[in-house]
Amino acid sequence: MSRWRTSTRSGSYTAARVIHGVGAVFALIEVIYILMNLFGANPANALFKFIQQLAEPLALFFPGLFQLGNANLDLIVNYGLAAIFWLVVANLLARVVAR
């Protein structure tokens, strides 16, 4: 026998999980972009262009924030910070919504 949850809290928990999931997807896009660049993916490839078009706007103000003298290290730090930013922001928003 199945029981339906009628609590209003279950809706907020579902919204919190969705927010957390969206933040994780944004962070994953940033990480995939970092890895594709580090491993020398072909910039003319359609998949690379697609990931690049998603990753660059999601990086917000982080690209160029730190200039460490090495292009690969710059990419890791700046886009890595963007990925961490999305995880933290999504986690905070999810906590607020879940309350």
N, C-alpha and C. Protein backbone atom coordinates (compact mmCIF):
# COMPACT_ATOMS: atom_id res chain seq x y z
N MET A 1 0.84 -1.16 0.00
CA MET A 1 0.00 0.00 0.00
C MET A 1 0.89 1.24 0.00
N SER A 2 0.56 2.18 -0.82
CA SER A 2 1.36 3.40 -0.96
C SER A 2 0.68 4.54 -0.21
N ARG A 3 1.51 5.38 0.38
CA ARG A 3 0.98 6.54 1.09
C ARG A 3 1.53 7.80 0.45
N TRP A 4 0.67 8.75 0.22
CA TRP A 4 1.07 10.02 -0.35
C TRP A 4 1.55 10.94 0.74
N ARG A 5 2.63 11.62 0.47
CA ARG A 5 3.10 12.61 1.42
C ARG A 5 2.31 13.89 1.21
N THR A 6 1.73 14.38 2.25
CA THR A 6 0.94 15.60 2.15
C THR A 6 1.63 16.77 2.82
N SER A 7 2.80 16.57 3.31
CA SER A 7 3.54 17.62 3.99
C SER A 7 4.03 18.66 2.99
N THR A 8 4.00 19.91 3.37
CA THR A 8 4.52 20.96 2.51
C THR A 8 6.04 20.97 2.51
N ARG A 9 6.66 20.34 3.49
CA ARG A 9 8.12 20.30 3.57
C ARG A 9 8.71 19.46 2.43
N SER A 10 8.00 18.47 1.97
CA SER A 10 8.55 17.62 0.90
C SER A 10 8.76 18.42 -0.37
N GLY A 11 7.91 19.41 -0.63
CA GLY A 11 8.09 20.27 -1.81
C GLY A 11 9.33 21.13 -1.71
N SER A 12 9.61 21.64 -0.51
CA SER A 12 10.80 22.46 -0.36
C SER A 12 12.06 21.62 -0.45
N TYR A 13 12.00 20.38 0.02
CA TYR A 13 13.16 19.50 -0.11
C TYR A 13 13.40 19.14 -1.58
N THR A 14 12.34 18.96 -2.33
CA THR A 14 12.49 18.68 -3.75
C THR A 14 13.11 19.88 -4.46
N ALA A 15 12.65 21.08 -4.15
CA ALA A 15 13.22 22.28 -4.75
C ALA A 15 14.70 22.43 -4.37
N ALA A 16 15.02 22.12 -3.13
CA ALA A 16 16.41 22.20 -2.68
C ALA A 16 17.28 21.21 -3.44
N ARG A 17 16.77 20.01 -3.69
CA ARG A 17 17.55 19.03 -4.45
C ARG A 17 17.75 19.48 -5.89
N VAL A 18 16.73 20.11 -6.47
CA VAL A 18 16.85 20.61 -7.84
C VAL A 18 17.90 21.72 -7.90
N ILE A 19 17.87 22.65 -6.95
CA ILE A 19 18.85 23.73 -6.91
C ILE A 19 20.26 23.16 -6.75
N HIS A 20 20.39 22.21 -5.86
CA HIS A 20 21.70 21.58 -5.64
C HIS A 20 22.17 20.87 -6.91
N GLY A 21 21.27 20.21 -7.59
CA GLY A 21 21.61 19.51 -8.83
C GLY A 21 22.03 20.46 -9.94
N VAL A 22 21.35 21.59 -10.06
CA VAL A 22 21.71 22.57 -11.09
C VAL A 22 23.10 23.13 -10.82
N GLY A 23 23.39 23.42 -9.55
CA GLY A 23 24.73 23.91 -9.19
C GLY A 23 25.80 22.88 -9.51
N ALA A 24 25.49 21.61 -9.26
CA ALA A 24 26.44 20.55 -9.57
C ALA A 24 26.67 20.42 -11.07
N VAL A 25 25.63 20.58 -11.86
CA VAL A 25 25.78 20.52 -13.32
C VAL A 25 26.63 21.69 -13.82
N PHE A 26 26.40 22.88 -13.26
CA PHE A 26 27.21 24.04 -13.65
C PHE A 26 28.68 23.80 -13.32
N ALA A 27 28.94 23.27 -12.14
CA ALA A 27 30.32 22.99 -11.74
C ALA A 27 30.93 21.91 -12.64
N LEU A 28 30.15 20.92 -12.99
CA LEU A 28 30.63 19.84 -13.85
C LEU A 28 31.00 20.38 -15.24
N ILE A 29 30.23 21.31 -15.75
CA ILE A 29 30.54 21.91 -17.05
C ILE A 29 31.89 22.63 -16.98
N GLU A 30 32.13 23.33 -15.88
CA GLU A 30 33.41 24.02 -15.71
C GLU A 30 34.57 23.02 -15.66
N VAL A 31 34.39 21.94 -14.94
CA VAL A 31 35.44 20.93 -14.81
C VAL A 31 35.71 20.25 -16.16
N ILE A 32 34.66 19.95 -16.89
CA ILE A 32 34.83 19.34 -18.21
C ILE A 32 35.60 20.28 -19.14
N TYR A 33 35.30 21.57 -19.07
CA TYR A 33 36.01 22.55 -19.89
C TYR A 33 37.49 22.60 -19.52
N ILE A 34 37.78 22.57 -18.23
CA ILE A 34 39.17 22.55 -17.78
C ILE A 34 39.89 21.32 -18.33
N LEU A 35 39.27 20.16 -18.17
CA LEU A 35 39.91 18.91 -18.62
C LEU A 35 40.10 18.87 -20.12
N MET A 36 39.11 19.36 -20.87
CA MET A 36 39.24 19.36 -22.33
C MET A 36 40.41 20.24 -22.76
N ASN A 37 40.59 21.38 -22.10
CA ASN A 37 41.71 22.25 -22.43
C ASN A 37 43.03 21.64 -22.03
N LEU A 38 43.10 21.05 -20.85
CA LEU A 38 44.36 20.47 -20.37
C LEU A 38 44.82 19.29 -21.22
N PHE A 39 43.86 18.50 -21.68
CA PHE A 39 44.23 17.33 -22.47
C PHE A 39 44.32 17.64 -23.97
N GLY A 40 44.20 18.91 -24.33
CA GLY A 40 44.43 19.33 -25.71
C GLY A 40 43.33 18.95 -26.67
N ALA A 41 42.08 19.11 -26.28
CA ALA A 41 40.98 18.82 -27.18
C ALA A 41 41.02 19.77 -28.38
N ASN A 42 40.55 19.29 -29.50
CA ASN A 42 40.54 20.07 -30.74
C ASN A 42 39.54 21.22 -30.61
N PRO A 43 40.00 22.48 -30.64
CA PRO A 43 39.08 23.62 -30.49
C PRO A 43 38.08 23.76 -31.63
N ALA A 44 38.31 23.08 -32.74
CA ALA A 44 37.37 23.14 -33.87
C ALA A 44 36.25 22.12 -33.74
N ASN A 45 36.35 21.23 -32.76
CA ASN A 45 35.36 20.19 -32.56
C ASN A 45 34.06 20.80 -32.05
N ALA A 46 32.93 20.26 -32.50
CA ALA A 46 31.62 20.79 -32.12
C ALA A 46 31.36 20.61 -30.62
N LEU A 47 31.77 19.48 -30.05
CA LEU A 47 31.55 19.25 -28.62
C LEU A 47 32.36 20.25 -27.80
N PHE A 48 33.60 20.48 -28.20
CA PHE A 48 34.44 21.45 -27.49
C PHE A 48 33.81 22.84 -27.55
N LYS A 49 33.35 23.24 -28.73
CA LYS A 49 32.72 24.55 -28.87
C LYS A 49 31.46 24.66 -28.01
N PHE A 50 30.69 23.58 -27.95
CA PHE A 50 29.47 23.58 -27.14
C PHE A 50 29.80 23.76 -25.66
N ILE A 51 30.75 22.97 -25.17
CA ILE A 51 31.16 23.08 -23.76
C ILE A 51 31.74 24.46 -23.48
N GLN A 52 32.52 24.98 -24.41
CA GLN A 52 33.12 26.30 -24.24
C GLN A 52 32.03 27.38 -24.17
N GLN A 53 31.01 27.28 -25.02
CA GLN A 53 29.92 28.25 -25.01
C GLN A 53 29.11 28.19 -23.72
N LEU A 54 29.08 27.04 -23.08
CA LEU A 54 28.41 26.92 -21.79
C LEU A 54 29.30 27.39 -20.65
N ALA A 55 30.57 27.03 -20.70
CA ALA A 55 31.48 27.28 -19.58
C ALA A 55 31.86 28.74 -19.42
N GLU A 56 32.07 29.43 -20.51
CA GLU A 56 32.55 30.81 -20.41
C GLU A 56 31.55 31.73 -19.72
N PRO A 57 30.26 31.72 -20.06
CA PRO A 57 29.33 32.59 -19.32
C PRO A 57 29.13 32.13 -17.86
N LEU A 58 29.22 30.83 -17.63
CA LEU A 58 29.05 30.32 -16.26
C LEU A 58 30.23 30.68 -15.37
N ALA A 59 31.36 31.01 -15.96
CA ALA A 59 32.54 31.36 -15.18
C ALA A 59 32.42 32.76 -14.59
N LEU A 60 31.43 33.52 -15.03
CA LEU A 60 31.14 34.86 -14.52
C LEU A 60 32.36 35.76 -14.59
N PHE A 61 32.83 36.25 -13.48
CA PHE A 61 33.95 37.20 -13.43
C PHE A 61 35.27 36.52 -13.12
N PHE A 62 35.31 35.20 -13.03
CA PHE A 62 36.53 34.50 -12.62
C PHE A 62 37.63 34.44 -13.68
N PRO A 63 37.34 34.29 -14.98
CA PRO A 63 38.44 34.25 -15.95
C PRO A 63 39.22 35.57 -15.93
N GLY A 64 40.52 35.46 -15.80
CA GLY A 64 41.37 36.63 -15.73
C GLY A 64 41.55 37.19 -14.34
N LEU A 65 40.90 36.60 -13.35
CA LEU A 65 41.01 37.10 -11.98
C LEU A 65 42.43 36.92 -11.46
N PHE A 66 42.99 35.75 -11.71
CA PHE A 66 44.37 35.47 -11.33
C PHE A 66 45.18 35.21 -12.59
N GLN A 67 46.31 35.88 -12.72
CA GLN A 67 47.21 35.66 -13.84
C GLN A 67 48.54 35.18 -13.25
N LEU A 68 48.76 33.89 -13.33
CA LEU A 68 49.90 33.27 -12.67
C LEU A 68 51.08 33.03 -13.60
N GLY A 69 50.96 33.39 -14.85
CA GLY A 69 52.06 33.25 -15.78
C GLY A 69 52.05 31.98 -16.60
N ASN A 70 51.25 31.02 -16.24
CA ASN A 70 51.15 29.76 -16.97
C ASN A 70 49.69 29.63 -17.41
N ALA A 71 49.47 29.47 -18.71
CA ALA A 71 48.11 29.43 -19.24
C ALA A 71 47.28 28.30 -18.64
N ASN A 72 47.90 27.11 -18.49
CA ASN A 72 47.16 25.99 -17.92
C ASN A 72 46.82 26.21 -16.45
N LEU A 73 47.76 26.76 -15.71
CA LEU A 73 47.51 27.04 -14.30
C LEU A 73 46.46 28.13 -14.13
N ASP A 74 46.50 29.13 -15.00
CA ASP A 74 45.46 30.18 -14.98
C ASP A 74 44.08 29.57 -15.21
N LEU A 75 44.00 28.69 -16.19
CA LEU A 75 42.74 28.03 -16.51
C LEU A 75 42.23 27.20 -15.33
N ILE A 76 43.11 26.43 -14.72
CA ILE A 76 42.70 25.59 -13.59
C ILE A 76 42.21 26.44 -12.43
N VAL A 77 42.97 27.47 -12.09
CA VAL A 77 42.60 28.28 -10.93
C VAL A 77 41.32 29.06 -11.19
N ASN A 78 41.25 29.77 -12.29
CA ASN A 78 40.11 30.64 -12.54
C ASN A 78 38.81 29.87 -12.78
N TYR A 79 38.85 28.87 -13.63
CA TYR A 79 37.63 28.10 -13.89
C TYR A 79 37.34 27.14 -12.74
N GLY A 80 38.37 26.70 -12.03
CA GLY A 80 38.16 25.88 -10.83
C GLY A 80 37.46 26.68 -9.74
N LEU A 81 37.84 27.94 -9.59
CA LEU A 81 37.14 28.80 -8.63
C LEU A 81 35.68 29.00 -9.02
N ALA A 82 35.43 29.10 -10.31
CA ALA A 82 34.04 29.23 -10.76
C ALA A 82 33.24 27.97 -10.42
N ALA A 83 33.85 26.81 -10.58
CA ALA A 83 33.17 25.55 -10.24
C ALA A 83 32.88 25.49 -8.74
N ILE A 84 33.85 25.87 -7.93
CA ILE A 84 33.65 25.87 -6.48
C ILE A 84 32.57 26.90 -6.10
N PHE A 85 32.59 28.04 -6.76
CA PHE A 85 31.57 29.07 -6.52
C PHE A 85 30.17 28.51 -6.74
N TRP A 86 29.96 27.80 -7.86
CA TRP A 86 28.62 27.26 -8.14
C TRP A 86 28.21 26.22 -7.12
N LEU A 87 29.15 25.40 -6.67
CA LEU A 87 28.81 24.41 -5.65
C LEU A 87 28.41 25.08 -4.33
N VAL A 88 29.16 26.10 -3.93
CA VAL A 88 28.87 26.79 -2.67
C VAL A 88 27.55 27.55 -2.74
N VAL A 89 27.34 28.29 -3.82
CA VAL A 89 26.11 29.07 -3.96
C VAL A 89 24.89 28.15 -4.02
N ALA A 90 24.99 27.08 -4.78
CA ALA A 90 23.87 26.15 -4.87
C ALA A 90 23.58 25.51 -3.51
N ASN A 91 24.63 25.17 -2.77
CA ASN A 91 24.44 24.58 -1.45
C ASN A 91 23.75 25.57 -0.51
N LEU A 92 24.19 26.81 -0.53
CA LEU A 92 23.57 27.82 0.33
C LEU A 92 22.11 28.07 -0.03
N LEU A 93 21.83 28.19 -1.33
CA LEU A 93 20.46 28.39 -1.76
C LEU A 93 19.58 27.19 -1.42
N ALA A 94 20.11 26.00 -1.57
CA ALA A 94 19.35 24.79 -1.25
C ALA A 94 19.01 24.75 0.23
N ARG A 95 19.95 25.16 1.06
CA ARG A 95 19.68 25.18 2.51
C ARG A 95 18.59 26.19 2.87
N VAL A 96 18.63 27.34 2.21
CA VAL A 96 17.62 28.36 2.48
C VAL A 96 16.25 27.87 2.05
N VAL A 97 16.17 27.26 0.88
CA VAL A 97 14.89 26.78 0.37
C VAL A 97 14.35 25.62 1.22
N ALA A 98 15.23 24.79 1.73
CA ALA A 98 14.81 23.61 2.50
C ALA A 98 14.24 24.00 3.88
N ARG A 99 14.54 25.18 4.35
CA ARG A 99 14.03 25.57 5.68
C ARG A 99 12.61 25.87 5.68
